[in-house]
Amino acid sequence: MEIIPAIDLLDGNCVRLNQGDYNRVTHFNNDPVKQALYWQSQGATRLHLVDLDAARSGLPKNDSSILAIAKAVNIPIQLGGGVRTKERVKELIEYGLDKVILGTIAIEKPLMVKELADLYPQKIIVGIDAKNGKVATQGWLNQSDVLATELAKSFRDIDISSIICTDISTDGTLAGPNLQAMRDVAGVSNVPVIASGGVGSIADIIALLPLESIGVTGIIVGRALYDNAFELQEANKVVRNYNLQDPPKENVFNA
C-alpha cells in the first residue's frame, strides 16, 4: 500500500476544499515546490497533484507551479484537474509527469480515454469522483446519474494504470474513508484502485490496509497531513509493519 500526499493547487497556493466546495477553502502553503520537497523528504514515494483552477474552469492556471515541482522532485507525480483534451495530456507528460488523471472526460468522452491509453500505455489514471455512489464531473460541480461501479466496469478492457476512487462526501472532512465505496469499485475493477477521501487518522489508514487484497493499492492523504493529525513517516511505518504480519484478507483481487 502506497501513502500518497496530495497537493491541491488553487491560485498558486496549496489548499484543501471541504467536500469539494470552492467556498470552503483552507490555505496551507503559498509555496507548492517547498511543500513537494517536504513530502519527498518525509518519505513520499509519489505525489498527487490537483489543479483546482483547471478542474473548475478547464483553464490551467498553475502550470508554472506544476513545472517547478516536476523539476524539483525526483519521485513520480500524478496530476488531475481539468485535463479534458489530448493536447493537454501530451503537454503534461512532456512536463515530466508520470501519470495523468482523467475525470470528467472519462464519463463524457470514454473513447478519448481509450485513445489516450493506447497512446500512453499505463500513463493514464481514471478518476472516479462520486457522491452517494454517483459520479460527479466538472470539478465536482455537476452530478451525473452514472454509478461509480458502472463507470469502473467500462474501463476493464483499456490499458489504464489505475482508478482513483474519491468519495466526495468525506473528502476534506477527516471523518474517515468510505470503505464500502472503495470495496464496491475495487470489486468490479481489474486494475489497481487508489482510495481518496476522508482519511483523518492512523486508524483510518489501518482500516484501509485490508483492502489491498482486493486491489486497493494506494491511499491519497491530504488534510490530515497538513493538520498534523499524523506524520507521513508514521503512516509509512504502519504500512511496513502491517506487511510484515499475516493480515486478514478481503476477497481476492480480481486481476
C-alpha atoms as a PDB file:
ATOM      1  CA  MET A   1       0.000   0.000   0.000  1.00  0.00           C
ATOM      2  CA  GLU A   2       1.379   3.395  -1.022  1.00  0.00           C
ATOM      3  CA  ILE A   3       0.616   6.508   1.029  1.00  0.00           C
ATOM      4  CA  ILE A   4       0.392   9.416  -1.435  1.00  0.00           C
ATOM      5  CA  PRO A   5       0.435  13.016  -0.171  1.00  0.00           C
ATOM      6  CA  ALA A   6      -1.854  15.396  -2.033  1.00  0.00           C
ATOM      7  CA  ILE A   7      -1.028  18.908  -3.180  1.00  0.00           C
ATOM      8  CA  ASP A   8      -4.156  20.736  -4.318  1.00  0.00           C
ATOM      9  CA  LEU A   9      -3.346  23.915  -6.248  1.00  0.00           C
ATOM     10  CA  LEU A  10      -5.600  26.970  -6.290  1.00  0.00           C
ATOM     11  CA  ASP A  11      -4.260  30.342  -7.466  1.00  0.00           C
ATOM     12  CA  GLY A  12      -0.723  29.044  -6.961  1.00  0.00           C
ATOM     13  CA  ASN A  13      -1.309  28.004  -3.338  1.00  0.00           C
ATOM     14  CA  CYS A  14      -1.600  24.662  -1.588  1.00  0.00           C
ATOM     15  CA  VAL A  15      -5.164  24.349  -0.291  1.00  0.00           C
ATOM     16  CA  ARG A  16      -7.832  21.842   0.657  1.00  0.00           C
ATOM     17  CA  LEU A  17     -11.527  22.036  -0.117  1.00  0.00           C
ATOM     18  CA  ASN A  18     -14.157  20.666   2.223  1.00  0.00           C
ATOM     19  CA  GLN A  19     -16.326  18.166   0.302  1.00  0.00           C
ATOM     20  CA  GLY A  20     -15.246  19.764  -2.971  1.00  0.00           C
ATOM     21  CA  ASP A  21     -16.765  23.138  -2.071  1.00  0.00           C
ATOM     22  CA  TYR A  22     -14.774  26.048  -3.538  1.00  0.00           C
ATOM     23  CA  ASN A  23     -16.392  28.318  -0.959  1.00  0.00           C
ATOM     24  CA  ARG A  24     -14.868  26.269   1.872  1.00  0.00           C
ATOM     25  CA  VAL A  25     -11.145  26.605   1.215  1.00  0.00           C
ATOM     26  CA  THR A  26      -8.339  26.162   3.723  1.00  0.00           C
ATOM     27  CA  HIS A  27      -4.933  27.545   2.707  1.00  0.00           C
ATOM     28  CA  PHE A  28      -1.882  25.624   3.883  1.00  0.00           C
ATOM     29  CA  ASN A  29       1.156  26.840   1.952  1.00  0.00           C
ATOM     30  CA  ASN A  30       1.884  29.503  -0.664  1.00  0.00           C
ATOM     31  CA  ASP A  31       4.991  27.650  -1.912  1.00  0.00           C
ATOM     32  CA  PRO A  32       3.960  24.398  -3.653  1.00  0.00           C
ATOM     33  CA  VAL A  33       7.566  23.491  -4.545  1.00  0.00           C
ATOM     34  CA  LYS A  34       8.651  23.750  -0.926  1.00  0.00           C
ATOM     35  CA  GLN A  35       5.689  21.595   0.057  1.00  0.00           C
ATOM     36  CA  ALA A  36       6.526  18.972  -2.568  1.00  0.00           C
ATOM     37  CA  LEU A  37      10.144  18.807  -1.435  1.00  0.00           C
ATOM     38  CA  TYR A  38       8.981  18.455   2.167  1.00  0.00           C
ATOM     39  CA  TRP A  39       6.784  15.463   1.362  1.00  0.00           C
ATOM     40  CA  GLN A  40       9.655  13.891  -0.558  1.00  0.00           C
ATOM     41  CA  SER A  41      11.978  14.409   2.423  1.00  0.00           C
ATOM     42  CA  GLN A  42       9.403  12.747   4.678  1.00  0.00           C
ATOM     43  CA  GLY A  43       9.433   9.567   2.618  1.00  0.00           C
ATOM     44  CA  ALA A  44       6.804  10.114  -0.055  1.00  0.00           C
ATOM     45  CA  THR A  45       7.267   7.744  -2.981  1.00  0.00           C
ATOM     46  CA  ARG A  46       4.719   9.570  -5.169  1.00  0.00           C
ATOM     47  CA  LEU A  47       2.878  12.898  -5.206  1.00  0.00           C
ATOM     48  CA  HIS A  48      -0.747  13.534  -6.119  1.00  0.00           C
ATOM     49  CA  LEU A  49      -1.326  16.977  -7.659  1.00  0.00           C
ATOM     50  CA  VAL A  50      -4.712  18.511  -8.421  1.00  0.00           C
ATOM     51  CA  ASP A  51      -5.162  21.703 -10.432  1.00  0.00           C
ATOM     52  CA  LEU A  52      -8.340  23.004  -8.818  1.00  0.00           C
ATOM     53  CA  ASP A  53      -8.490  26.055 -11.058  1.00  0.00           C
ATOM     54  CA  ALA A  54      -8.458  23.883 -14.173  1.00  0.00           C
ATOM     55  CA  ALA A  55     -10.948  21.446 -12.640  1.00  0.00           C
ATOM     56  CA  ARG A  56     -13.430  24.271 -12.192  1.00  0.00           C
ATOM     57  CA  SER A  57     -12.857  26.290 -15.365  1.00  0.00           C
ATOM     58  CA  GLY A  58     -10.965  23.963 -17.701  1.00  0.00           C
ATOM     59  CA  LEU A  59      -8.219  26.589 -17.935  1.00  0.00           C
ATOM     60  CA  PRO A  60      -4.844  25.680 -16.428  1.00  0.00           C
ATOM     61  CA  LYS A  61      -3.561  28.439 -14.163  1.00  0.00           C
ATOM     62  CA  ASN A  62      -0.965  26.535 -12.175  1.00  0.00           C
ATOM     63  CA  ASP A  63       1.427  25.286 -14.849  1.00  0.00           C
ATOM     64  CA  SER A  64       4.371  27.289 -13.506  1.00  0.00           C
ATOM     65  CA  SER A  65       3.974  25.538 -10.146  1.00  0.00           C
ATOM     66  CA  ILE A  66       3.449  22.140 -11.785  1.00  0.00           C
ATOM     67  CA  LEU A  67       6.590  22.519 -13.892  1.00  0.00           C
ATOM     68  CA  ALA A  68       8.624  23.740 -10.940  1.00  0.00           C
ATOM     69  CA  ILE A  69       7.531  20.781  -8.810  1.00  0.00           C
ATOM     70  CA  ALA A  70       8.327  18.314 -11.604  1.00  0.00           C
ATOM     71  CA  LYS A  71      11.837  19.756 -11.901  1.00  0.00           C
ATOM     72  CA  ALA A  72      12.438  19.894  -8.155  1.00  0.00           C
ATOM     73  CA  VAL A  73      11.483  16.376  -7.028  1.00  0.00           C
ATOM     74  CA  ASN A  74      12.792  13.001  -8.142  1.00  0.00           C
ATOM     75  CA  ILE A  75       9.730  10.917  -7.305  1.00  0.00           C
ATOM     76  CA  PRO A  76       6.800  10.198  -9.657  1.00  0.00           C
ATOM     77  CA  ILE A  77       3.977  12.730  -9.919  1.00  0.00           C
ATOM     78  CA  GLN A  78       0.372  12.106 -10.938  1.00  0.00           C
ATOM     79  CA  LEU A  79      -1.850  15.048 -11.760  1.00  0.00           C
ATOM     80  CA  GLY A  80      -5.530  15.644 -12.358  1.00  0.00           C
ATOM     81  CA  GLY A  81      -7.929  18.531 -12.644  1.00  0.00           C
ATOM     82  CA  GLY A  82      -9.333  19.938 -15.854  1.00  0.00           C
ATOM     83  CA  VAL A  83      -7.489  17.519 -18.159  1.00  0.00           C
ATOM     84  CA  ARG A  84     -10.009  17.318 -20.985  1.00  0.00           C
ATOM     85  CA  THR A  85      -8.057  17.240 -24.274  1.00  0.00           C
ATOM     86  CA  LYS A  86      -5.443  15.060 -25.934  1.00  0.00           C
ATOM     87  CA  GLU A  87      -3.221  18.110 -26.249  1.00  0.00           C
ATOM     88  CA  ARG A  88      -3.306  18.714 -22.512  1.00  0.00           C
ATOM     89  CA  VAL A  89      -2.389  15.113 -21.749  1.00  0.00           C
ATOM     90  CA  LYS A  90       0.568  15.322 -24.136  1.00  0.00           C
ATOM     91  CA  GLU A  91       1.655  18.605 -22.575  1.00  0.00           C
ATOM     92  CA  LEU A  92       1.588  17.239 -19.031  1.00  0.00           C
ATOM     93  CA  ILE A  93       3.520  14.116 -19.940  1.00  0.00           C
ATOM     94  CA  GLU A  94       6.102  16.312 -21.673  1.00  0.00           C
ATOM     95  CA  TYR A  95       6.369  18.289 -18.418  1.00  0.00           C
ATOM     96  CA  GLY A  96       7.760  15.079 -16.921  1.00  0.00           C
ATOM     97  CA  LEU A  97       4.690  13.871 -15.050  1.00  0.00           C
ATOM     98  CA  ASP A  98       4.483  10.132 -14.555  1.00  0.00           C
ATOM     99  CA  LYS A  99       0.721   9.775 -14.873  1.00  0.00           C
ATOM    100  CA  VAL A 100      -2.241  11.930 -15.883  1.00  0.00           C
ATOM    101  CA  ILE A 101      -5.670  11.626 -14.284  1.00  0.00           C
ATOM    102  CA  LEU A 102      -8.790  11.875 -16.428  1.00  0.00           C
ATOM    103  CA  GLY A 103     -12.050  12.559 -14.629  1.00  0.00           C
ATOM    104  CA  THR A 104     -14.720  14.483 -16.497  1.00  0.00           C
ATOM    105  CA  ILE A 105     -13.804  13.095 -19.923  1.00  0.00           C
ATOM    106  CA  ALA A 106     -13.910   9.554 -18.547  1.00  0.00           C
ATOM    107  CA  ILE A 107     -17.673   9.902 -18.424  1.00  0.00           C
ATOM    108  CA  GLU A 108     -18.200  12.441 -21.236  1.00  0.00           C
ATOM    109  CA  LYS A 109     -15.692  11.090 -23.788  1.00  0.00           C
ATOM    110  CA  PRO A 110     -14.788   7.480 -22.928  1.00  0.00           C
ATOM    111  CA  LEU A 111     -13.481   6.799 -26.435  1.00  0.00           C
ATOM    112  CA  MET A 112     -10.911   9.546 -25.943  1.00  0.00           C
ATOM    113  CA  VAL A 113      -9.736   7.809 -22.781  1.00  0.00           C
ATOM    114  CA  LYS A 114      -9.175   4.617 -24.784  1.00  0.00           C
ATOM    115  CA  GLU A 115      -7.266   6.519 -27.456  1.00  0.00           C
ATOM    116  CA  LEU A 116      -5.066   8.166 -24.843  1.00  0.00           C
ATOM    117  CA  ALA A 117      -4.467   4.865 -23.055  1.00  0.00           C
ATOM    118  CA  ASP A 118      -3.351   3.372 -26.379  1.00  0.00           C
ATOM    119  CA  LEU A 119      -1.034   6.341 -26.979  1.00  0.00           C
ATOM    120  CA  TYR A 120       0.329   6.356 -23.430  1.00  0.00           C
ATOM    121  CA  PRO A 121       0.062   2.823 -22.008  1.00  0.00           C
ATOM    122  CA  GLN A 122      -0.026   2.739 -18.196  1.00  0.00           C
ATOM    123  CA  LYS A 123       0.233   6.535 -18.074  1.00  0.00           C
ATOM    124  CA  ILE A 124      -3.488   7.225 -17.737  1.00  0.00           C
ATOM    125  CA  ILE A 125      -5.412   7.083 -14.471  1.00  0.00           C
ATOM    126  CA  VAL A 126      -9.194   7.304 -14.459  1.00  0.00           C
ATOM    127  CA  GLY A 127     -10.509   9.470 -11.652  1.00  0.00           C
ATOM    128  CA  ILE A 128     -13.940   8.466 -10.398  1.00  0.00           C
ATOM    129  CA  ASP A 129     -15.310  11.095  -8.032  1.00  0.00           C
ATOM    130  CA  ALA A 130     -18.633  10.078  -6.552  1.00  0.00           C
ATOM    131  CA  LYS A 131     -21.236  11.164  -4.055  1.00  0.00           C
ATOM    132  CA  ASN A 132     -23.835   8.668  -2.862  1.00  0.00           C
ATOM    133  CA  GLY A 133     -22.429   6.230  -5.407  1.00  0.00           C
ATOM    134  CA  LYS A 134     -22.961   8.505  -8.429  1.00  0.00           C
ATOM    135  CA  VAL A 135     -20.220  10.215 -10.442  1.00  0.00           C
ATOM    136  CA  ALA A 136     -19.660  13.979 -10.330  1.00  0.00           C
ATOM    137  CA  THR A 137     -17.867  15.945 -13.072  1.00  0.00           C
ATOM    138  CA  GLN A 138     -16.548  19.440 -13.887  1.00  0.00           C
ATOM    139  CA  GLY A 139     -14.628  19.842 -10.646  1.00  0.00           C
ATOM    140  CA  TRP A 140     -17.474  18.152  -8.722  1.00  0.00           C
ATOM    141  CA  LEU A 141     -19.854  20.937  -9.727  1.00  0.00           C
ATOM    142  CA  ASN A 142     -22.119  18.669 -11.820  1.00  0.00           C
ATOM    143  CA  GLN A 143     -23.768  15.489 -10.563  1.00  0.00           C
ATOM    144  CA  SER A 144     -24.491  12.694 -13.045  1.00  0.00           C
ATOM    145  CA  ASP A 145     -26.750   9.651 -12.800  1.00  0.00           C
ATOM    146  CA  VAL A 146     -23.896   7.271 -13.662  1.00  0.00           C
ATOM    147  CA  LEU A 147     -22.941   4.819 -10.927  1.00  0.00           C
ATOM    148  CA  ALA A 148     -19.276   4.771  -9.952  1.00  0.00           C
ATOM    149  CA  THR A 149     -19.210   0.991 -10.245  1.00  0.00           C
ATOM    150  CA  GLU A 150     -20.633   1.056 -13.778  1.00  0.00           C
ATOM    151  CA  LEU A 151     -18.035   3.605 -14.861  1.00  0.00           C
ATOM    152  CA  ALA A 152     -15.261   1.480 -13.372  1.00  0.00           C
ATOM    153  CA  LYS A 153     -16.542  -1.578 -15.236  1.00  0.00           C
ATOM    154  CA  SER A 154     -16.468   0.282 -18.547  1.00  0.00           C
ATOM    155  CA  PHE A 155     -12.681   0.599 -18.409  1.00  0.00           C
ATOM    156  CA  ARG A 156     -11.905  -3.070 -17.777  1.00  0.00           C
ATOM    157  CA  ASP A 157     -10.546  -3.654 -21.286  1.00  0.00           C
ATOM    158  CA  ILE A 158      -8.495  -0.446 -21.541  1.00  0.00           C
ATOM    159  CA  ASP A 159      -4.780  -0.158 -20.724  1.00  0.00           C
ATOM    160  CA  ILE A 160      -5.120   2.388 -17.936  1.00  0.00           C
ATOM    161  CA  SER A 161      -2.777   2.390 -14.954  1.00  0.00           C
ATOM    162  CA  SER A 162      -5.325   2.570 -12.165  1.00  0.00           C
ATOM    163  CA  ILE A 163      -8.535   4.139 -10.891  1.00  0.00           C
ATOM    164  CA  ILE A 164      -8.640   6.810  -8.207  1.00  0.00           C
ATOM    165  CA  CYS A 165     -11.879   6.470  -6.278  1.00  0.00           C
ATOM    166  CA  THR A 166     -12.775   9.644  -4.390  1.00  0.00           C
ATOM    167  CA  ASP A 167     -15.755   9.814  -2.088  1.00  0.00           C
ATOM    168  CA  ILE A 168     -16.818  13.469  -2.237  1.00  0.00           C
ATOM    169  CA  SER A 169     -18.969  13.301   0.894  1.00  0.00           C
ATOM    170  CA  THR A 170     -15.926  12.504   3.038  1.00  0.00           C
ATOM    171  CA  ASP A 171     -13.204  14.407   1.154  1.00  0.00           C
ATOM    172  CA  GLY A 172     -11.537  17.058   3.285  1.00  0.00           C
ATOM    173  CA  THR A 173     -13.661  16.198   6.328  1.00  0.00           C
ATOM    174  CA  LEU A 174     -11.201  13.949   8.241  1.00  0.00           C
ATOM    175  CA  ALA A 175     -14.288  11.896   9.140  1.00  0.00           C
ATOM    176  CA  GLY A 176     -12.945   8.583   7.877  1.00  0.00           C
ATOM    177  CA  PRO A 177     -12.976   6.921   4.450  1.00  0.00           C
ATOM    178  CA  ASN A 178     -16.000   5.357   2.812  1.00  0.00           C
ATOM    179  CA  LEU A 179     -14.763   1.786   2.983  1.00  0.00           C
ATOM    180  CA  GLN A 180     -17.809   0.330   1.244  1.00  0.00           C
ATOM    181  CA  ALA A 181     -17.424   2.673  -1.735  1.00  0.00           C
ATOM    182  CA  MET A 182     -13.802   1.563  -2.107  1.00  0.00           C
ATOM    183  CA  ARG A 183     -14.804  -2.097  -1.867  1.00  0.00           C
ATOM    184  CA  ASP A 184     -17.516  -1.633  -4.465  1.00  0.00           C
ATOM    185  CA  VAL A 185     -15.240  -0.044  -7.064  1.00  0.00           C
ATOM    186  CA  ALA A 186     -12.331  -2.413  -6.402  1.00  0.00           C
ATOM    187  CA  GLY A 187     -14.725  -5.338  -6.692  1.00  0.00           C
ATOM    188  CA  VAL A 188     -15.597  -4.530 -10.311  1.00  0.00           C
ATOM    189  CA  SER A 189     -12.204  -3.207 -11.438  1.00  0.00           C
ATOM    190  CA  ASN A 190      -9.380  -5.252 -12.903  1.00  0.00           C
ATOM    191  CA  VAL A 191      -6.795  -2.503 -12.365  1.00  0.00           C
ATOM    192  CA  PRO A 192      -5.464  -1.182  -9.048  1.00  0.00           C
ATOM    193  CA  VAL A 193      -7.652   1.262  -7.142  1.00  0.00           C
ATOM    194  CA  ILE A 194      -6.327   4.246  -5.190  1.00  0.00           C
ATOM    195  CA  ALA A 195      -8.544   5.351  -2.294  1.00  0.00           C
ATOM    196  CA  SER A 196      -9.168   9.044  -1.675  1.00  0.00           C
ATOM    197  CA  GLY A 197     -11.327  10.983   0.745  1.00  0.00           C
ATOM    198  CA  GLY A 198     -11.868  11.184   4.477  1.00  0.00           C
ATOM    199  CA  VAL A 199      -8.579   9.893   5.900  1.00  0.00           C
ATOM    200  CA  GLY A 200      -8.134  11.712   9.192  1.00  0.00           C
ATOM    201  CA  SER A 201      -6.126   9.394  11.421  1.00  0.00           C
ATOM    202  CA  ILE A 202      -3.760   6.454  11.532  1.00  0.00           C
ATOM    203  CA  ALA A 203      -6.795   4.347  12.424  1.00  0.00           C
ATOM    204  CA  ASP A 204      -8.270   5.247   9.031  1.00  0.00           C
ATOM    205  CA  ILE A 205      -5.070   4.086   7.307  1.00  0.00           C
ATOM    206  CA  ILE A 206      -5.237   0.810   9.233  1.00  0.00           C
ATOM    207  CA  ALA A 207      -8.902   0.364   8.240  1.00  0.00           C
ATOM    208  CA  LEU A 208      -7.973   0.644   4.563  1.00  0.00           C
ATOM    209  CA  LEU A 209      -4.994  -1.733   4.632  1.00  0.00           C
ATOM    210  CA  PRO A 210      -7.028  -4.989   4.374  1.00  0.00           C
ATOM    211  CA  LEU A 211      -8.484  -3.683   1.095  1.00  0.00           C
ATOM    212  CA  GLU A 212      -5.097  -4.187  -0.556  1.00  0.00           C
ATOM    213  CA  SER A 213      -6.026  -7.829  -1.099  1.00  0.00           C
ATOM    214  CA  ILE A 214      -8.917  -6.745  -3.377  1.00  0.00           C
ATOM    215  CA  GLY A 215      -6.802  -4.293  -5.351  1.00  0.00           C
ATOM    216  CA  VAL A 216      -6.710  -1.052  -3.341  1.00  0.00           C
ATOM    217  CA  THR A 217      -3.007  -0.285  -3.655  1.00  0.00           C
ATOM    218  CA  GLY A 218      -2.758   3.370  -2.638  1.00  0.00           C
ATOM    219  CA  ILE A 219      -4.206   5.910  -0.234  1.00  0.00           C
ATOM    220  CA  ILE A 220      -4.228   9.633  -1.044  1.00  0.00           C
ATOM    221  CA  VAL A 221      -3.906  11.747   2.092  1.00  0.00           C
ATOM    222  CA  GLY A 222      -4.327  15.495   2.178  1.00  0.00           C
ATOM    223  CA  ARG A 223      -5.726  17.498   5.040  1.00  0.00           C
ATOM    224  CA  ALA A 224      -4.753  15.028   7.773  1.00  0.00           C
ATOM    225  CA  LEU A 225      -1.087  15.536   6.919  1.00  0.00           C
ATOM    226  CA  TYR A 226      -1.411  19.309   6.676  1.00  0.00           C
ATOM    227  CA  ASP A 227      -3.247  19.419  10.006  1.00  0.00           C
ATOM    228  CA  ASN A 228      -0.543  17.210  11.593  1.00  0.00           C
ATOM    229  CA  ALA A 229      -3.080  14.581  12.562  1.00  0.00           C
ATOM    230  CA  PHE A 230      -0.219  12.169  11.893  1.00  0.00           C
ATOM    231  CA  GLU A 231       3.145  12.224  10.136  1.00  0.00           C
ATOM    232  CA  LEU A 232       3.792  10.695   6.731  1.00  0.00           C
ATOM    233  CA  GLN A 233       6.702   8.736   8.202  1.00  0.00           C
ATOM    234  CA  GLU A 234       4.340   7.321  10.833  1.00  0.00           C
ATOM    235  CA  ALA A 235       1.845   6.208   8.186  1.00  0.00           C
ATOM    236  CA  ASN A 236       4.581   4.569   6.123  1.00  0.00           C
ATOM    237  CA  LYS A 237       5.820   2.732   9.218  1.00  0.00           C
ATOM    238  CA  VAL A 238       2.313   1.418   9.896  1.00  0.00           C
ATOM    239  CA  VAL A 239       2.127   0.094   6.334  1.00  0.00           C
ATOM    240  CA  ARG A 240       5.541  -1.586   6.619  1.00  0.00           C
ATOM    241  CA  ASN A 241       4.655  -3.225   9.932  1.00  0.00           C
ATOM    242  CA  TYR A 242       1.314  -4.394   8.568  1.00  0.00           C
ATOM    243  CA  ASN A 243       3.037  -6.019   5.606  1.00  0.00           C
ATOM    244  CA  LEU A 244       5.330  -7.946   7.967  1.00  0.00           C
ATOM    245  CA  GLN A 245       2.302  -9.540   9.607  1.00  0.00           C
ATOM    246  CA  ASP A 246      -0.186 -12.028   8.197  1.00  0.00           C
ATOM    247  CA  PRO A 247      -3.143  -9.640   7.985  1.00  0.00           C
ATOM    248  CA  PRO A 248      -6.766 -10.665   7.457  1.00  0.00           C
ATOM    249  CA  LYS A 249      -7.698 -10.583   3.814  1.00  0.00           C
ATOM    250  CA  GLU A 250     -10.680  -9.276   1.928  1.00  0.00           C
ATOM    251  CA  ASN A 251     -11.752 -11.057  -1.248  1.00  0.00           C
ATOM    252  CA  VAL A 252      -9.047 -11.948  -3.764  1.00  0.00           C
ATOM    253  CA  PHE A 253      -8.218  -9.107  -6.171  1.00  0.00           C
ATOM    254  CA  ASN A 254      -9.908  -9.821  -9.489  1.00  0.00           C
ATOM    255  CA  ALA A 255      -6.947  -9.111 -11.748  1.00  0.00           C
END
